[in-house]
């Protein structure tokens, strides 16, 4: 019933607006409409509730720590250059790893509670596809390629590709200075550790984007079908 009401409201909004304006639905509403009454919808709702409560508790704990007093500021030395006046050409993988790990930990709470990660934090693709199969057949069929599509995309999630992307300003014009050239030495084990986290993030971003694309098409098809039914009924009555 809720889905039908939402679809009717969306359809009315679409046809009540000027022609140049299209149908707009909030992403959260779209996801709720497409997963209503399904295993994946119930699991995600419960997981979000659990992790939201956990986040609130963590926020209160951090605020409590911040009120204990401020320590003295330390004084750093050096200007970022190594011996002989050369720039320090190292990569602080600890900072890089901490950043991506923090992002992953927030997402992992929900994914783990939804059953999409195993006990070791690895992706459980069979559980993901099983939950996708619980969606309406028209939608689940359009998402049948999720596993293969997202596994392939995640393989491209490397630090090199990440920082070469337009999002990180790879095409920005930078001043060329041969004296500033820097080729840092990278520890393969640390690099692998970072990229494993990157690939997990990329995989689930792909799952989300693929779902939202399929969901949007599913809703539009449902609206169009409903409107065609209304037109047919009107035509029949007029005769």
C-alpha atoms as a PDB file:
ATOM      1  CA  UNK A   1       0.000   0.000   0.000  1.00  0.00           C
ATOM      2  CA  UNK A   2       2.792   2.404   0.932  1.00  0.00           C
ATOM      3  CA  UNK A   3       4.514   1.802  -2.394  1.00  0.00           C
ATOM      4  CA  UNK A   4       1.318   2.391  -4.345  1.00  0.00           C
ATOM      5  CA  UNK A   5       0.683   5.640  -2.456  1.00  0.00           C
ATOM      6  CA  UNK A   6       4.253   6.830  -3.103  1.00  0.00           C
ATOM      7  CA  UNK A   7       4.011   5.908  -6.773  1.00  0.00           C
ATOM      8  CA  UNK A   8       0.706   7.741  -7.112  1.00  0.00           C
ATOM      9  CA  UNK A   9       2.137  10.825  -5.410  1.00  0.00           C
ATOM     10  CA  UNK A  10       5.211  10.696  -7.624  1.00  0.00           C
ATOM     11  CA  UNK A  11       3.119  10.281 -10.759  1.00  0.00           C
ATOM     12  CA  UNK A  12       0.853  13.164  -9.793  1.00  0.00           C
ATOM     13  CA  UNK A  13       3.853  15.371  -9.059  1.00  0.00           C
ATOM     14  CA  UNK A  14       5.376  14.529 -12.420  1.00  0.00           C
ATOM     15  CA  UNK A  15       2.301  15.404 -14.460  1.00  0.00           C
ATOM     16  CA  UNK A  16       1.293  18.372 -12.321  1.00  0.00           C
ATOM     17  CA  UNK A  17       4.579  20.199 -12.968  1.00  0.00           C
ATOM     18  CA  UNK A  18       5.610  22.110 -16.094  1.00  0.00           C
ATOM     19  CA  UNK A  19       6.967  19.923 -18.887  1.00  0.00           C
ATOM     20  CA  UNK A  20      10.562  21.063 -18.449  1.00  0.00           C
ATOM     21  CA  UNK A  21      10.647  19.640 -14.912  1.00  0.00           C
ATOM     22  CA  UNK A  22      11.130  15.912 -14.390  1.00  0.00           C
ATOM     23  CA  UNK A  23      10.274  13.398 -11.722  1.00  0.00           C
ATOM     24  CA  UNK A  24      12.449  13.760  -8.634  1.00  0.00           C
ATOM     25  CA  UNK A  25      12.536  11.361  -5.704  1.00  0.00           C
ATOM     26  CA  UNK A  26      14.830  11.534  -2.720  1.00  0.00           C
ATOM     27  CA  UNK A  27      17.393   8.663  -2.896  1.00  0.00           C
ATOM     28  CA  UNK A  28      16.307   7.410   0.537  1.00  0.00           C
ATOM     29  CA  UNK A  29      12.690   7.321  -0.592  1.00  0.00           C
ATOM     30  CA  UNK A  30      13.671   5.494  -3.766  1.00  0.00           C
ATOM     31  CA  UNK A  31      15.621   2.851  -1.833  1.00  0.00           C
ATOM     32  CA  UNK A  32      12.737   2.414   0.610  1.00  0.00           C
ATOM     33  CA  UNK A  33      10.214   2.008  -2.226  1.00  0.00           C
ATOM     34  CA  UNK A  34      12.341  -0.586  -4.021  1.00  0.00           C
ATOM     35  CA  UNK A  35      13.195  -2.629  -0.918  1.00  0.00           C
ATOM     36  CA  UNK A  36       9.911  -2.354   1.020  1.00  0.00           C
ATOM     37  CA  UNK A  37       8.827  -5.713   2.487  1.00  0.00           C
ATOM     38  CA  UNK A  38      11.973  -7.562   1.335  1.00  0.00           C
ATOM     39  CA  UNK A  39      14.788  -9.298   3.212  1.00  0.00           C
ATOM     40  CA  UNK A  40      17.311  -6.730   2.058  1.00  0.00           C
ATOM     41  CA  UNK A  41      15.087  -3.851   3.153  1.00  0.00           C
ATOM     42  CA  UNK A  42      14.500  -5.291   6.631  1.00  0.00           C
ATOM     43  CA  UNK A  43      18.180  -6.136   7.126  1.00  0.00           C
ATOM     44  CA  UNK A  44      19.392  -2.710   6.098  1.00  0.00           C
ATOM     45  CA  UNK A  45      16.904  -0.921   8.327  1.00  0.00           C
ATOM     46  CA  UNK A  46      17.946  -2.972  11.370  1.00  0.00           C
ATOM     47  CA  UNK A  47      21.645  -2.505  10.549  1.00  0.00           C
ATOM     48  CA  UNK A  48      21.245   1.274  10.226  1.00  0.00           C
ATOM     49  CA  UNK A  49      19.401   1.416  13.556  1.00  0.00           C
ATOM     50  CA  UNK A  50      22.137  -0.551  15.343  1.00  0.00           C
ATOM     51  CA  UNK A  51      24.997   1.465  13.859  1.00  0.00           C
ATOM     52  CA  UNK A  52      23.285   4.821  14.393  1.00  0.00           C
ATOM     53  CA  UNK A  53      22.968   4.032  18.100  1.00  0.00           C
ATOM     54  CA  UNK A  54      26.617   2.989  18.172  1.00  0.00           C
ATOM     55  CA  UNK A  55      27.701   6.217  16.422  1.00  0.00           C
ATOM     56  CA  UNK A  56      25.777   8.332  18.914  1.00  0.00           C
ATOM     57  CA  UNK A  57      27.412   6.536  21.840  1.00  0.00           C
ATOM     58  CA  UNK A  58      30.869   7.017  20.286  1.00  0.00           C
ATOM     59  CA  UNK A  59      30.177  10.720  19.703  1.00  0.00           C
ATOM     60  CA  UNK A  60      29.197  11.199  23.348  1.00  0.00           C
ATOM     61  CA  UNK A  61      32.317   9.335  24.463  1.00  0.00           C
ATOM     62  CA  UNK A  62      34.581  11.562  22.351  1.00  0.00           C
ATOM     63  CA  UNK A  63      32.902  14.721  23.604  1.00  0.00           C
ATOM     64  CA  UNK A  64      33.451  13.559  27.165  1.00  0.00           C
ATOM     65  CA  UNK A  65      37.140  13.077  26.479  1.00  0.00           C
ATOM     66  CA  UNK A  66      37.433  16.536  24.986  1.00  0.00           C
ATOM     67  CA  UNK A  67      36.281  18.187  28.228  1.00  0.00           C
ATOM     68  CA  UNK A  68      39.050  16.751  30.381  1.00  0.00           C
ATOM     69  CA  UNK A  69      41.433  19.558  29.600  1.00  0.00           C
ATOM     70  CA  UNK A  70      43.887  20.579  26.994  1.00  0.00           C
ATOM     71  CA  UNK A  71      47.473  19.481  26.961  1.00  0.00           C
ATOM     72  CA  UNK A  72      50.405  21.647  26.081  1.00  0.00           C
ATOM     73  CA  UNK A  73      51.177  22.060  22.455  1.00  0.00           C
ATOM     74  CA  UNK A  74      54.333  20.426  21.285  1.00  0.00           C
ATOM     75  CA  UNK A  75      56.826  22.246  19.130  1.00  0.00           C
ATOM     76  CA  UNK A  76      57.791  20.602  15.897  1.00  0.00           C
ATOM     77  CA  UNK A  77      61.172  21.041  14.318  1.00  0.00           C
ATOM     78  CA  UNK A  78      62.292  20.924  10.749  1.00  0.00           C
ATOM     79  CA  UNK A  79      60.969  22.315   7.501  1.00  0.00           C
ATOM     80  CA  UNK A  80      60.095  19.107   5.734  1.00  0.00           C
ATOM     81  CA  UNK A  81      63.489  18.680   4.124  1.00  0.00           C
ATOM     82  CA  UNK A  82      65.921  15.848   4.536  1.00  0.00           C
ATOM     83  CA  UNK A  83      69.683  15.915   4.597  1.00  0.00           C
ATOM     84  CA  UNK A  84      71.493  18.105   2.127  1.00  0.00           C
ATOM     85  CA  UNK A  85      68.513  20.441   1.761  1.00  0.00           C
ATOM     86  CA  UNK A  86      66.497  17.896  -0.249  1.00  0.00           C
ATOM     87  CA  UNK A  87      62.784  17.528   0.335  1.00  0.00           C
ATOM     88  CA  UNK A  88      61.636  14.620   2.453  1.00  0.00           C
ATOM     89  CA  UNK A  89      60.209  12.256  -0.167  1.00  0.00           C
ATOM     90  CA  UNK A  90      58.327   9.736   1.946  1.00  0.00           C
ATOM     91  CA  UNK A  91      54.711   8.626   2.081  1.00  0.00           C
ATOM     92  CA  UNK A  92      53.023   8.569   5.480  1.00  0.00           C
ATOM     93  CA  UNK A  93      51.091   5.360   4.903  1.00  0.00           C
ATOM     94  CA  UNK A  94      49.937   5.334   8.498  1.00  0.00           C
ATOM     95  CA  UNK A  95      47.966   8.544   7.947  1.00  0.00           C
ATOM     96  CA  UNK A  96      46.663   7.346   4.573  1.00  0.00           C
ATOM     97  CA  UNK A  97      45.601   4.017   6.047  1.00  0.00           C
ATOM     98  CA  UNK A  98      43.940   5.655   9.061  1.00  0.00           C
ATOM     99  CA  UNK A  99      41.868   7.863   6.765  1.00  0.00           C
ATOM    100  CA  UNK A 100      40.527   5.067   4.559  1.00  0.00           C
ATOM    101  CA  UNK A 101      40.159   2.681   7.497  1.00  0.00           C
ATOM    102  CA  UNK A 102      37.966   5.184   9.332  1.00  0.00           C
ATOM    103  CA  UNK A 103      35.731   5.521   6.274  1.00  0.00           C
ATOM    104  CA  UNK A 104      35.559   1.749   5.923  1.00  0.00           C
ATOM    105  CA  UNK A 105      34.813   1.137   9.608  1.00  0.00           C
ATOM    106  CA  UNK A 106      31.722   3.347   9.437  1.00  0.00           C
ATOM    107  CA  UNK A 107      30.398   1.442   6.444  1.00  0.00           C
ATOM    108  CA  UNK A 108      31.507  -1.963   7.743  1.00  0.00           C
ATOM    109  CA  UNK A 109      29.233  -1.646  10.778  1.00  0.00           C
ATOM    110  CA  UNK A 110      26.143  -1.568   8.568  1.00  0.00           C
ATOM    111  CA  UNK A 111      27.440  -4.149   6.094  1.00  0.00           C
ATOM    112  CA  UNK A 112      28.450  -6.555   8.849  1.00  0.00           C
ATOM    113  CA  UNK A 113      25.106  -6.257  10.629  1.00  0.00           C
ATOM    114  CA  UNK A 114      23.354  -6.838   7.313  1.00  0.00           C
ATOM    115  CA  UNK A 115      25.346 -10.051   6.835  1.00  0.00           C
ATOM    116  CA  UNK A 116      27.287  -8.830   3.817  1.00  0.00           C
ATOM    117  CA  UNK A 117      30.683  -9.376   5.460  1.00  0.00           C
ATOM    118  CA  UNK A 118      32.031 -12.608   6.915  1.00  0.00           C
ATOM    119  CA  UNK A 119      33.575 -12.941  10.371  1.00  0.00           C
ATOM    120  CA  UNK A 120      36.937 -11.711   9.021  1.00  0.00           C
ATOM    121  CA  UNK A 121      35.475  -8.636   7.342  1.00  0.00           C
ATOM    122  CA  UNK A 122      35.660 -10.024   3.811  1.00  0.00           C
ATOM    123  CA  UNK A 123      32.906  -9.452   1.235  1.00  0.00           C
ATOM    124  CA  UNK A 124      30.266 -12.205   1.260  1.00  0.00           C
ATOM    125  CA  UNK A 125      29.066 -11.919  -2.336  1.00  0.00           C
ATOM    126  CA  UNK A 126      26.742 -14.943  -2.061  1.00  0.00           C
ATOM    127  CA  UNK A 127      24.843 -13.266   0.804  1.00  0.00           C
ATOM    128  CA  UNK A 128      24.617 -10.031  -1.202  1.00  0.00           C
ATOM    129  CA  UNK A 129      23.206 -11.756  -4.279  1.00  0.00           C
ATOM    130  CA  UNK A 130      20.792 -13.763  -2.126  1.00  0.00           C
ATOM    131  CA  UNK A 131      19.398 -10.546  -0.663  1.00  0.00           C
ATOM    132  CA  UNK A 132      19.181  -8.947  -4.106  1.00  0.00           C
ATOM    133  CA  UNK A 133      17.116 -11.943  -5.223  1.00  0.00           C
ATOM    134  CA  UNK A 134      14.566 -11.071  -2.520  1.00  0.00           C
ATOM    135  CA  UNK A 135      13.673  -7.886  -4.423  1.00  0.00           C
ATOM    136  CA  UNK A 136      10.822  -7.721  -6.915  1.00  0.00           C
ATOM    137  CA  UNK A 137      11.675 -10.001  -9.896  1.00  0.00           C
ATOM    138  CA  UNK A 138      11.746  -7.129 -12.388  1.00  0.00           C
ATOM    139  CA  UNK A 139      14.306  -5.323 -10.212  1.00  0.00           C
ATOM    140  CA  UNK A 140      16.378  -8.311  -9.097  1.00  0.00           C
ATOM    141  CA  UNK A 141      16.734  -9.493 -12.700  1.00  0.00           C
ATOM    142  CA  UNK A 142      18.158  -6.115 -13.703  1.00  0.00           C
ATOM    143  CA  UNK A 143      20.718  -6.412 -10.869  1.00  0.00           C
ATOM    144  CA  UNK A 144      21.856  -9.936 -11.719  1.00  0.00           C
ATOM    145  CA  UNK A 145      25.208  -8.581 -12.950  1.00  0.00           C
ATOM    146  CA  UNK A 146      26.009  -6.854  -9.626  1.00  0.00           C
ATOM    147  CA  UNK A 147      28.605  -9.350  -8.391  1.00  0.00           C
ATOM    148  CA  UNK A 148      30.684  -9.525 -11.586  1.00  0.00           C
ATOM    149  CA  UNK A 149      30.310  -5.830 -12.406  1.00  0.00           C
ATOM    150  CA  UNK A 150      31.404  -4.649  -8.962  1.00  0.00           C
ATOM    151  CA  UNK A 151      34.216  -7.170  -8.561  1.00  0.00           C
ATOM    152  CA  UNK A 152      35.687  -5.934 -11.843  1.00  0.00           C
ATOM    153  CA  UNK A 153      35.332  -2.285 -10.847  1.00  0.00           C
ATOM    154  CA  UNK A 154      36.900  -2.856  -7.457  1.00  0.00           C
ATOM    155  CA  UNK A 155      40.033  -4.262  -9.104  1.00  0.00           C
ATOM    156  CA  UNK A 156      40.679  -0.803 -10.560  1.00  0.00           C
ATOM    157  CA  UNK A 157      40.651   0.789  -7.094  1.00  0.00           C
ATOM    158  CA  UNK A 158      44.351   1.464  -6.589  1.00  0.00           C
ATOM    159  CA  UNK A 159      46.042   4.488  -5.058  1.00  0.00           C
ATOM    160  CA  UNK A 160      47.612   5.280  -8.410  1.00  0.00           C
ATOM    161  CA  UNK A 161      44.236   5.304 -10.175  1.00  0.00           C
ATOM    162  CA  UNK A 162      42.610   7.184  -7.312  1.00  0.00           C
ATOM    163  CA  UNK A 163      45.036  10.098  -7.351  1.00  0.00           C
ATOM    164  CA  UNK A 164      45.094  10.121 -11.160  1.00  0.00           C
ATOM    165  CA  UNK A 165      41.336  10.701 -11.262  1.00  0.00           C
ATOM    166  CA  UNK A 166      39.754  14.084 -11.978  1.00  0.00           C
ATOM    167  CA  UNK A 167      38.264  14.098  -8.461  1.00  0.00           C
ATOM    168  CA  UNK A 168      41.778  14.584  -7.100  1.00  0.00           C
ATOM    169  CA  UNK A 169      42.727  17.248  -9.618  1.00  0.00           C
ATOM    170  CA  UNK A 170      44.930  15.058 -11.763  1.00  0.00           C
ATOM    171  CA  UNK A 171      44.454  17.430 -14.688  1.00  0.00           C
ATOM    172  CA  UNK A 172      45.154  20.601 -12.748  1.00  0.00           C
ATOM    173  CA  UNK A 173      48.010  22.681 -14.100  1.00  0.00           C
ATOM    174  CA  UNK A 174      50.946  22.424 -11.744  1.00  0.00           C
ATOM    175  CA  UNK A 175      54.210  24.348 -12.027  1.00  0.00           C
ATOM    176  CA  UNK A 176      56.992  22.199 -13.366  1.00  0.00           C
ATOM    177  CA  UNK A 177      60.197  22.259 -11.400  1.00  0.00           C
ATOM    178  CA  UNK A 178      62.750  19.560 -12.017  1.00  0.00           C
ATOM    179  CA  UNK A 179      64.334  20.237  -8.640  1.00  0.00           C
ATOM    180  CA  UNK A 180      61.054  19.313  -6.942  1.00  0.00           C
ATOM    181  CA  UNK A 181      60.785  15.889  -8.555  1.00  0.00           C
ATOM    182  CA  UNK A 182      60.093  13.265  -5.957  1.00  0.00           C
ATOM    183  CA  UNK A 183      59.795   9.490  -6.336  1.00  0.00           C
ATOM    184  CA  UNK A 184      58.976   8.106  -2.895  1.00  0.00           C
ATOM    185  CA  UNK A 185      59.939   4.618  -1.832  1.00  0.00           C
ATOM    186  CA  UNK A 186      56.782   2.611  -1.208  1.00  0.00           C
ATOM    187  CA  UNK A 187      56.495  -0.444   1.018  1.00  0.00           C
ATOM    188  CA  UNK A 188      54.563  -3.059  -1.056  1.00  0.00           C
ATOM    189  CA  UNK A 189      52.958  -4.555   2.060  1.00  0.00           C
ATOM    190  CA  UNK A 190      51.649  -1.186   3.253  1.00  0.00           C
ATOM    191  CA  UNK A 191      50.424  -0.363  -0.236  1.00  0.00           C
ATOM    192  CA  UNK A 192      48.565  -3.677  -0.424  1.00  0.00           C
ATOM    193  CA  UNK A 193      46.948  -3.057   2.960  1.00  0.00           C
ATOM    194  CA  UNK A 194      45.625   0.330   1.840  1.00  0.00           C
ATOM    195  CA  UNK A 195      44.397  -0.965  -1.522  1.00  0.00           C
ATOM    196  CA  UNK A 196      42.492  -3.869   0.041  1.00  0.00           C
ATOM    197  CA  UNK A 197      40.431  -1.314   1.967  1.00  0.00           C
ATOM    198  CA  UNK A 198      40.074   0.834  -1.166  1.00  0.00           C
ATOM    199  CA  UNK A 199      38.779  -2.140  -3.149  1.00  0.00           C
ATOM    200  CA  UNK A 200      36.167  -2.954  -0.514  1.00  0.00           C
ATOM    201  CA  UNK A 201      34.960   0.643  -0.566  1.00  0.00           C
ATOM    202  CA  UNK A 202      34.867   0.631  -4.369  1.00  0.00           C
ATOM    203  CA  UNK A 203      32.945  -2.653  -4.452  1.00  0.00           C
ATOM    204  CA  UNK A 204      30.157  -1.431  -2.181  1.00  0.00           C
ATOM    205  CA  UNK A 205      30.002   1.956  -3.881  1.00  0.00           C
ATOM    206  CA  UNK A 206      29.397   0.053  -7.113  1.00  0.00           C
ATOM    207  CA  UNK A 207      26.714  -2.110  -5.451  1.00  0.00           C
ATOM    208  CA  UNK A 208      24.940   1.031  -4.228  1.00  0.00           C
ATOM    209  CA  UNK A 209      25.162   2.850  -7.571  1.00  0.00           C
ATOM    210  CA  UNK A 210      23.992  -0.216  -9.499  1.00  0.00           C
ATOM    211  CA  UNK A 211      21.061  -0.667  -7.134  1.00  0.00           C
ATOM    212  CA  UNK A 212      20.028   2.990  -7.390  1.00  0.00           C
ATOM    213  CA  UNK A 213      20.191   2.885 -11.209  1.00  0.00           C
ATOM    214  CA  UNK A 214      18.082  -0.272 -11.306  1.00  0.00           C
ATOM    215  CA  UNK A 215      15.713   1.106  -8.687  1.00  0.00           C
ATOM    216  CA  UNK A 216      15.171   4.335 -10.620  1.00  0.00           C
ATOM    217  CA  UNK A 217      14.338   2.428 -13.802  1.00  0.00           C
ATOM    218  CA  UNK A 218      12.046   0.087 -11.869  1.00  0.00           C
ATOM    219  CA  UNK A 219      10.071   3.001 -10.366  1.00  0.00           C
ATOM    220  CA  UNK A 220       9.760   4.788 -13.714  1.00  0.00           C
ATOM    221  CA  UNK A 221       8.492   1.623 -15.380  1.00  0.00           C
ATOM    222  CA  UNK A 222       5.984   1.136 -12.557  1.00  0.00           C
ATOM    223  CA  UNK A 223       4.758   4.740 -12.900  1.00  0.00           C
ATOM    224  CA  UNK A 224       4.485   4.453 -16.675  1.00  0.00           C
ATOM    225  CA  UNK A 225       2.595   1.167 -16.393  1.00  0.00           C
ATOM    226  CA  UNK A 226       0.203   2.667 -13.852  1.00  0.00           C
ATOM    227  CA  UNK A 227      -0.413   5.737 -15.996  1.00  0.00           C
ATOM    228  CA  UNK A 228      -1.073   3.601 -19.066  1.00  0.00           C
ATOM    229  CA  UNK A 229      -3.597   1.621 -17.034  1.00  0.00           C
ATOM    230  CA  UNK A 230      -5.325   4.851 -16.018  1.00  0.00           C
ATOM    231  CA  UNK A 231      -5.433   5.989 -19.662  1.00  0.00           C
ATOM    232  CA  UNK A 232      -6.934   2.646 -20.754  1.00  0.00           C
ATOM    233  CA  UNK A 233      -9.603   2.861 -18.062  1.00  0.00           C
ATOM    234  CA  UNK A 234     -10.469   6.430 -19.063  1.00  0.00           C
ATOM    235  CA  UNK A 235     -10.699   5.416 -22.719  1.00  0.00           C
ATOM    236  CA  UNK A 236     -12.952   2.459 -21.885  1.00  0.00           C
ATOM    237  CA  UNK A 237     -15.298   4.624 -19.791  1.00  0.00           C
ATOM    238  CA  UNK A 238     -15.529   7.265 -22.528  1.00  0.00           C
ATOM    239  CA  UNK A 239     -16.821   4.682 -24.955  1.00  0.00           C
END
